[in-house]
Amino acid sequence: MTASLDQLRRCSVAVDLGAARTRVYLKNTGLVVDEPSVAAVDCHTGSLVAVGETAERMIGRTPDHIRVVRPIASGIVVDVEMAQRMLRHLIGDKLSKAWRRKPIMRAAVCVPHGSEPMAQRAAVETLTGLGARRVELVDTLIAAAVGCGLPVEYPEATMIVVCGAATTQIAVLSLGAIVAAETIPVGGEVIDRAVIQHLRNQHALMLPSQAVRPLHRMLETTATGQGPSSIEVHGMDAASALARSVRVDTESVRLAIRTPLNSVLDGIRAVLRRCPPDLVADLADRGITLAGGSALLPGLDTMLRTTTGMPLVVADSPGNCAVRGLGAMVEGKARPMALESVQSIG
């Protein structure tokens, strides 16, 4: 069924279950949880060793009896029980009072555009297992657009590109509804793998997974002309398994990540082809808004701006756009609009 903004205003909690980070917004309080969607489990006892930032630092560094898992993939809960345990640990006492105060508590949660009914049910079960009696499902693209402050309720077109860890969601919105949308299986993790594979092929260097993000920041400074044209990268020699450092040309790394970035561009073209000409004409002036945790990938904004010929704006705190928009709906601060993509499951 369709949920109205009035139904969303009855919710006490807004949750964004992302593949990279989990964010929880509490009504009248604000953002109370913003942690990586990672949990470390002791295989012998089944007990949780760590969650969030602490568990993320354990990736690739644990003994055999400790397993680091991600219960959320591509914005979809793939392990309901583990997701509940992780959330319960992350929330702690922050929501216990709210749960006791409102025994019939409502919660709102973001779901990826076009997600299957089973994926939606998994998100609902995750929150009902924590005490919520009713769960409202909101399309991530709608929530992110509201969080970016886009005037989605007007008849003019607005375009948003939400770059996540595993997927990129693209949509053109008008009158509060999605006119055309596309989901591309390319995100920050795909870009990371492209960088790791490039360094292994060209320099026989195996790079630790957690060393890729600092490399992105270095690429960003060189793109603005503030950094060196090459950087030193530390890793493990693929042949000898010894620690080794190499000097890497930043331009070659940019070329390595251009192929997956081109997939995002193809998705934008596919969405524009399905839009009426009048809406596409609106976008020549309004341009594209970039959101999501991977929106700050080096070279992404420049490539999209150059190849599409349209203005492009990166949202403030792009990773928080979806939960910020969902929080605005819960607080009743979102402008009235036809939330066609909001679904309610009770």
Protein backbone atom coordinates (compact mmCIF):
# COMPACT_ATOMS: atom_id res chain seq x y z
CA MET A 1 0.00 0.00 0.00
CA THR A 2 1.02 3.64 -0.32
CA ALA A 3 2.14 5.55 2.76
CA SER A 4 1.58 9.26 3.14
CA LEU A 5 3.79 11.81 4.86
CA ASP A 6 1.24 11.78 7.68
CA GLN A 7 1.97 8.07 8.24
CA LEU A 8 5.71 8.72 8.21
CA ARG A 9 5.30 11.46 10.82
CA ARG A 10 4.04 8.81 13.22
CA CYS A 11 7.40 7.01 13.04
CA SER A 12 9.89 7.41 15.88
CA VAL A 13 12.99 6.02 14.18
CA ALA A 14 14.48 6.31 10.67
CA VAL A 15 17.06 3.73 9.55
CA ASP A 16 19.35 3.61 6.51
CA LEU A 17 20.76 0.08 6.17
CA GLY A 18 23.65 0.63 3.78
CA ALA A 19 26.18 -1.90 2.57
CA ALA A 20 29.00 0.28 3.86
CA ARG A 21 27.44 2.10 6.83
CA THR A 22 24.33 1.86 8.98
CA ARG A 23 22.72 5.10 10.09
CA VAL A 24 19.92 5.55 12.62
CA TYR A 25 17.97 8.79 13.10
CA LEU A 26 15.87 9.26 16.25
CA LYS A 27 12.92 11.65 16.14
CA ASN A 28 13.46 14.89 18.08
CA THR A 29 17.10 13.85 18.67
CA GLY A 30 18.86 13.53 15.32
CA LEU A 31 21.45 11.10 13.99
CA VAL A 32 22.44 8.75 16.81
CA VAL A 33 24.26 5.96 14.89
CA ASP A 34 26.65 6.24 11.93
CA GLU A 35 28.85 3.14 11.90
CA PRO A 36 30.19 0.65 9.33
CA SER A 37 27.82 -2.27 8.65
CA VAL A 38 30.36 -4.82 9.90
CA ALA A 39 30.31 -7.40 12.70
CA ALA A 40 33.04 -9.71 14.02
CA VAL A 41 31.88 -13.10 15.35
CA ASP A 42 33.67 -15.76 17.38
CA CYS A 43 33.09 -18.99 15.43
CA HIS A 44 33.62 -21.15 18.54
CA THR A 45 31.01 -19.50 20.76
CA GLY A 46 28.89 -17.58 18.24
CA SER A 47 29.23 -14.42 20.31
CA LEU A 48 29.81 -10.95 18.87
CA VAL A 49 33.38 -9.77 19.29
CA ALA A 50 32.93 -6.28 17.85
CA VAL A 51 30.69 -4.21 15.56
CA GLY A 52 31.04 -0.99 13.59
CA GLU A 53 34.37 0.84 13.43
CA THR A 54 36.12 -1.68 15.67
CA ALA A 55 35.02 -4.64 13.55
CA GLU A 56 35.98 -2.86 10.32
CA ARG A 57 39.55 -2.44 11.57
CA MET A 58 39.68 -6.23 12.03
CA ILE A 59 39.12 -7.01 8.32
CA GLY A 60 42.05 -9.09 7.06
CA ARG A 61 43.68 -9.16 10.50
CA THR A 62 41.74 -11.81 12.46
CA PRO A 63 42.75 -15.34 13.56
CA ASP A 64 40.86 -18.30 12.09
CA HIS A 65 38.25 -18.50 14.85
CA ILE A 66 37.04 -14.91 14.35
CA ARG A 67 34.98 -14.15 11.26
CA VAL A 68 34.23 -10.64 10.03
CA VAL A 69 30.87 -10.44 8.24
CA ARG A 70 28.74 -7.86 6.45
CA PRO A 71 25.05 -8.70 7.03
CA ILE A 72 23.97 -6.06 4.50
CA ALA A 73 24.90 -6.20 0.80
CA SER A 74 23.84 -3.66 -1.84
CA GLY A 75 21.46 -2.08 0.67
CA ILE A 76 19.68 -5.42 1.20
CA VAL A 77 19.73 -7.39 4.45
CA VAL A 78 21.21 -10.80 3.58
CA ASP A 79 21.47 -12.06 7.17
CA VAL A 80 18.51 -10.90 9.25
CA GLU A 81 19.67 -12.39 12.55
CA MET A 82 23.17 -10.92 12.29
CA ALA A 83 21.77 -7.54 11.19
CA GLN A 84 19.54 -7.50 14.27
CA ARG A 85 22.45 -8.35 16.56
CA MET A 86 24.62 -5.69 14.94
CA LEU A 87 21.91 -3.03 15.22
CA ARG A 88 21.12 -3.95 18.82
CA HIS A 89 24.81 -3.58 19.66
CA LEU A 90 25.19 -0.29 17.77
CA ILE A 91 22.06 1.25 19.23
CA GLY A 92 22.74 0.16 22.80
CA ASP A 93 20.84 2.35 25.23
CA LYS A 94 20.16 5.10 22.69
CA LEU A 95 16.76 3.76 21.71
CA SER A 96 15.83 1.61 24.69
CA LYS A 97 13.90 4.48 26.31
CA ALA A 98 12.05 5.20 23.07
CA TRP A 99 11.11 1.52 22.76
CA ARG A 100 9.75 1.43 26.33
CA ARG A 101 7.92 4.72 25.95
CA LYS A 102 6.15 3.66 22.73
CA PRO A 103 5.36 -0.05 22.82
CA ILE A 104 3.61 0.24 19.42
CA MET A 105 6.55 2.02 17.85
CA ARG A 106 6.79 2.76 14.14
CA ALA A 107 10.03 2.80 12.18
CA ALA A 108 10.93 3.97 8.67
CA VAL A 109 13.70 2.35 6.66
CA CYS A 110 15.28 3.00 3.26
CA VAL A 111 15.17 0.24 0.64
CA PRO A 112 16.95 0.29 -2.75
CA HIS A 113 14.88 1.20 -5.78
CA GLY A 114 13.27 -1.82 -7.40
CA SER A 115 14.13 -4.18 -4.54
CA GLU A 116 12.35 -7.54 -4.51
CA PRO A 117 9.54 -8.30 -2.01
CA MET A 118 11.84 -10.73 -0.18
CA ALA A 119 14.43 -7.99 0.29
CA GLN A 120 11.75 -5.64 1.59
CA ARG A 121 10.51 -8.31 3.97
CA ALA A 122 14.05 -8.84 5.29
CA ALA A 123 14.32 -5.12 6.13
CA VAL A 124 10.96 -5.27 7.91
CA GLU A 125 11.92 -8.39 9.89
CA THR A 126 15.18 -6.76 10.95
CA LEU A 127 13.36 -3.88 12.61
CA THR A 128 10.38 -5.83 13.95
CA GLY A 129 12.86 -8.12 15.64
CA LEU A 130 14.11 -5.06 17.53
CA GLY A 131 10.64 -4.11 18.76
CA ALA A 132 9.05 -2.05 15.98
CA ARG A 133 5.37 -2.94 15.48
CA ARG A 134 5.05 -1.24 12.10
CA VAL A 135 7.65 -0.47 9.43
CA GLU A 136 7.36 2.03 6.57
CA LEU A 137 9.58 1.32 3.55
CA VAL A 138 10.84 4.37 1.66
CA ASP A 139 12.66 4.29 -1.67
CA THR A 140 16.29 5.31 -1.15
CA LEU A 141 16.16 7.60 -4.19
CA ILE A 142 13.18 9.55 -2.81
CA ALA A 143 14.76 9.81 0.65
CA ALA A 144 18.12 10.94 -0.76
CA ALA A 145 16.47 13.55 -2.99
CA VAL A 146 14.61 15.00 0.02
CA GLY A 147 17.82 14.88 2.06
CA CYS A 148 19.64 16.86 -0.64
CA GLY A 149 16.95 19.54 -0.53
CA LEU A 150 15.85 18.96 -4.12
CA PRO A 151 12.44 20.43 -5.08
CA VAL A 152 11.07 17.02 -6.05
CA GLU A 153 7.41 18.03 -5.50
CA TYR A 154 7.37 20.41 -8.50
CA PRO A 155 6.58 19.42 -12.12
CA GLU A 156 10.15 20.24 -13.20
CA ALA A 157 12.70 17.43 -13.44
CA THR A 158 15.41 16.75 -10.91
CA MET A 159 18.10 14.09 -11.32
CA ILE A 160 19.88 12.34 -8.48
CA VAL A 161 22.72 9.82 -8.60
CA VAL A 162 23.22 7.87 -5.36
CA CYS A 163 26.64 6.19 -5.37
CA GLY A 164 26.78 3.46 -2.75
CA ALA A 165 29.34 0.86 -1.80
CA ALA A 166 28.05 -1.84 -4.16
CA THR A 167 25.57 -0.11 -6.47
CA THR A 168 24.80 3.24 -8.04
CA GLN A 169 21.15 4.27 -8.26
CA ILE A 170 20.11 6.89 -10.81
CA ALA A 171 16.71 8.55 -11.11
CA VAL A 172 14.84 11.45 -12.64
CA LEU A 173 12.04 12.70 -10.38
CA SER A 174 9.07 14.97 -10.96
CA LEU A 175 5.94 15.70 -8.88
CA GLY A 176 7.35 13.69 -5.99
CA ALA A 177 7.60 10.45 -7.97
CA ILE A 178 10.26 8.59 -9.94
CA VAL A 179 9.86 9.05 -13.70
CA ALA A 180 12.74 6.76 -14.73
CA ALA A 181 15.41 4.98 -12.72
CA GLU A 182 18.31 2.58 -13.17
CA THR A 183 20.49 0.61 -10.77
CA ILE A 184 24.09 -0.07 -11.83
CA PRO A 185 26.15 -2.78 -10.06
CA VAL A 186 29.07 -0.38 -9.69
CA GLY A 187 30.00 1.35 -6.44
CA GLY A 188 32.90 2.20 -4.21
CA GLU A 189 33.85 -1.46 -3.68
CA VAL A 190 34.08 -2.06 -7.44
CA ILE A 191 36.36 0.97 -7.78
CA ASP A 192 38.50 -0.35 -4.92
CA ARG A 193 38.86 -3.72 -6.64
CA ALA A 194 39.85 -2.02 -9.89
CA VAL A 195 42.65 -0.14 -8.09
CA ILE A 196 43.85 -3.30 -6.30
CA GLN A 197 43.83 -5.29 -9.56
CA HIS A 198 45.74 -2.53 -11.38
CA LEU A 199 48.51 -2.49 -8.77
CA ARG A 200 48.78 -6.27 -8.87
CA ASN A 201 48.94 -6.43 -12.68
CA GLN A 202 51.29 -3.50 -13.20
CA HIS A 203 53.50 -3.65 -10.11
CA ALA A 204 53.02 -7.19 -8.72
CA LEU A 205 51.92 -5.52 -5.49
CA MET A 206 49.10 -6.83 -3.31
CA LEU A 207 47.44 -3.90 -1.60
CA PRO A 208 45.59 -4.23 1.72
CA SER A 209 41.88 -3.46 1.29
CA GLN A 210 41.94 -0.72 3.92
CA ALA A 211 44.77 1.09 2.11
CA VAL A 212 42.61 1.96 -0.90
CA ARG A 213 40.65 4.83 0.67
CA PRO A 214 43.79 6.84 1.58
CA LEU A 215 44.89 6.28 -2.02
CA HIS A 216 41.60 7.83 -3.19
CA ARG A 217 42.28 10.91 -1.09
CA MET A 218 45.73 11.25 -2.63
CA LEU A 219 44.20 10.98 -6.11
CA GLU A 220 41.75 13.72 -5.21
CA THR A 221 44.51 16.14 -4.20
CA THR A 222 46.46 15.45 -7.40
CA ALA A 223 43.30 16.05 -9.44
CA THR A 224 43.08 19.58 -8.02
CA GLY A 225 46.74 20.21 -8.84
CA GLN A 226 47.76 20.31 -5.19
CA GLY A 227 49.52 16.94 -4.97
CA PRO A 228 52.40 15.11 -6.65
CA SER A 229 52.00 13.28 -9.97
CA SER A 230 53.10 10.01 -8.35
CA ILE A 231 52.65 8.51 -4.89
CA GLU A 232 54.36 5.82 -2.85
CA VAL A 233 52.20 2.79 -2.07
CA HIS A 234 53.01 0.15 0.54
CA GLY A 235 51.89 -3.46 0.16
CA MET A 236 53.03 -7.06 -0.21
CA ASP A 237 55.07 -8.40 -3.10
CA ALA A 238 52.94 -10.91 -5.00
CA ALA A 239 55.89 -13.24 -5.68
CA SER A 240 58.01 -13.12 -2.52
CA ALA A 241 55.24 -12.20 -0.01
CA LEU A 242 57.59 -9.60 1.48
CA ALA A 243 56.65 -6.03 2.32
CA ARG A 244 57.46 -3.70 -0.55
CA SER A 245 56.85 -0.11 -1.62
CA VAL A 246 56.41 1.13 -5.18
CA ARG A 247 56.04 4.53 -6.78
CA VAL A 248 52.74 4.68 -8.66
CA ASP A 249 51.78 7.18 -11.33
CA THR A 250 48.44 8.65 -10.28
CA GLU A 251 47.31 9.11 -13.88
CA SER A 252 47.58 5.36 -14.53
CA VAL A 253 45.38 4.67 -11.50
CA ARG A 254 42.80 7.11 -12.81
CA LEU A 255 42.74 5.26 -16.12
CA ALA A 256 42.24 1.96 -14.24
CA ILE A 257 39.09 3.22 -12.51
CA ARG A 258 37.69 4.90 -15.61
CA THR A 259 36.12 1.68 -16.95
CA PRO A 260 33.79 1.12 -13.97
CA LEU A 261 33.04 4.85 -13.85
CA ASN A 262 31.95 4.66 -17.50
CA SER A 263 29.23 2.21 -16.41
CA VAL A 264 27.72 4.98 -14.27
CA LEU A 265 27.69 7.25 -17.31
CA ASP A 266 25.94 4.54 -19.37
CA GLY A 267 23.29 4.28 -16.64
CA ILE A 268 22.66 8.04 -16.76
CA ARG A 269 22.21 7.88 -20.52
CA ALA A 270 19.78 4.96 -20.17
CA VAL A 271 17.65 6.92 -17.69
CA LEU A 272 17.62 10.04 -19.88
CA ARG A 273 16.53 8.01 -22.91
CA ARG A 274 13.40 6.91 -21.00
CA CYS A 275 12.43 10.46 -19.98
CA PRO A 276 10.14 12.82 -21.94
CA PRO A 277 12.03 15.56 -23.82
CA ASP A 278 10.52 18.30 -21.62
CA LEU A 279 12.05 16.79 -18.48
CA VAL A 280 15.45 16.29 -20.15
CA ALA A 281 15.38 19.96 -21.17
CA ASP A 282 14.82 20.91 -17.50
CA LEU A 283 17.99 19.03 -16.54
CA ALA A 284 20.11 21.20 -18.85
CA ASP A 285 19.61 23.97 -16.27
CA ARG A 286 19.08 21.98 -13.05
CA GLY A 287 21.80 19.41 -13.72
CA ILE A 288 22.67 16.35 -11.62
CA THR A 289 22.96 16.01 -7.85
CA LEU A 290 25.51 13.46 -6.65
CA ALA A 291 24.85 11.74 -3.32
CA GLY A 292 25.83 8.55 -1.51
CA GLY A 293 28.91 7.42 0.39
CA SER A 294 30.96 6.98 -2.80
CA ALA A 295 30.02 10.34 -4.33
CA LEU A 296 33.45 11.74 -3.43
CA LEU A 297 35.35 9.16 -5.50
CA PRO A 298 38.16 11.02 -7.29
CA GLY A 299 37.32 11.92 -10.87
CA LEU A 300 33.64 10.89 -10.74
CA ASP A 301 32.18 14.40 -10.59
CA THR A 302 34.59 15.74 -13.22
CA MET A 303 33.89 12.87 -15.62
CA LEU A 304 30.10 13.20 -15.31
CA ARG A 305 30.23 16.96 -15.69
CA THR A 306 32.45 16.73 -18.78
CA THR A 307 30.71 13.87 -20.59
CA THR A 308 27.08 14.88 -19.93
CA GLY A 309 27.60 18.60 -20.44
CA MET A 310 25.19 19.25 -17.55
CA PRO A 311 25.86 21.08 -14.28
CA LEU A 312 26.74 18.76 -11.41
CA VAL A 313 26.58 19.37 -7.68
CA VAL A 314 27.93 17.08 -4.96
CA ALA A 315 25.56 17.15 -1.98
CA ASP A 316 26.75 18.24 1.47
CA SER A 317 27.66 15.15 3.52
CA PRO A 318 26.58 12.94 0.59
CA GLY A 319 26.67 9.72 2.62
CA ASN A 320 24.00 11.04 5.02
CA CYS A 321 21.53 12.26 2.40
CA ALA A 322 19.17 9.26 2.57
CA VAL A 323 18.89 9.15 6.36
CA ARG A 324 18.68 12.95 6.47
CA GLY A 325 15.75 12.90 4.05
CA LEU A 326 14.07 10.07 5.93
CA GLY A 327 14.56 12.01 9.16
CA ALA A 328 12.95 15.09 7.59
CA MET A 329 9.90 13.00 6.67
CA VAL A 330 9.69 11.56 10.18
CA GLU A 331 10.01 15.03 11.73
CA GLY A 332 7.36 16.41 9.36
CA LYS A 333 9.81 18.86 7.79
CA ALA A 334 9.61 17.47 4.25
CA ARG A 335 7.58 19.55 1.80
CA PRO A 336 4.21 18.01 0.81
CA MET A 337 4.52 15.73 -2.20
CA ALA A 338 3.09 12.57 -3.69
CA LEU A 339 5.29 9.87 -2.21
CA GLU A 340 4.43 7.25 -4.80
CA SER A 341 7.52 5.17 -3.99
CA VAL A 342 6.90 4.94 -0.26
CA GLN A 343 5.54 1.58 0.78
CA SER A 344 4.12 0.53 4.11
CA ILE A 345 4.24 -2.97 5.53
CA GLY A 346 2.73 -3.60 8.91
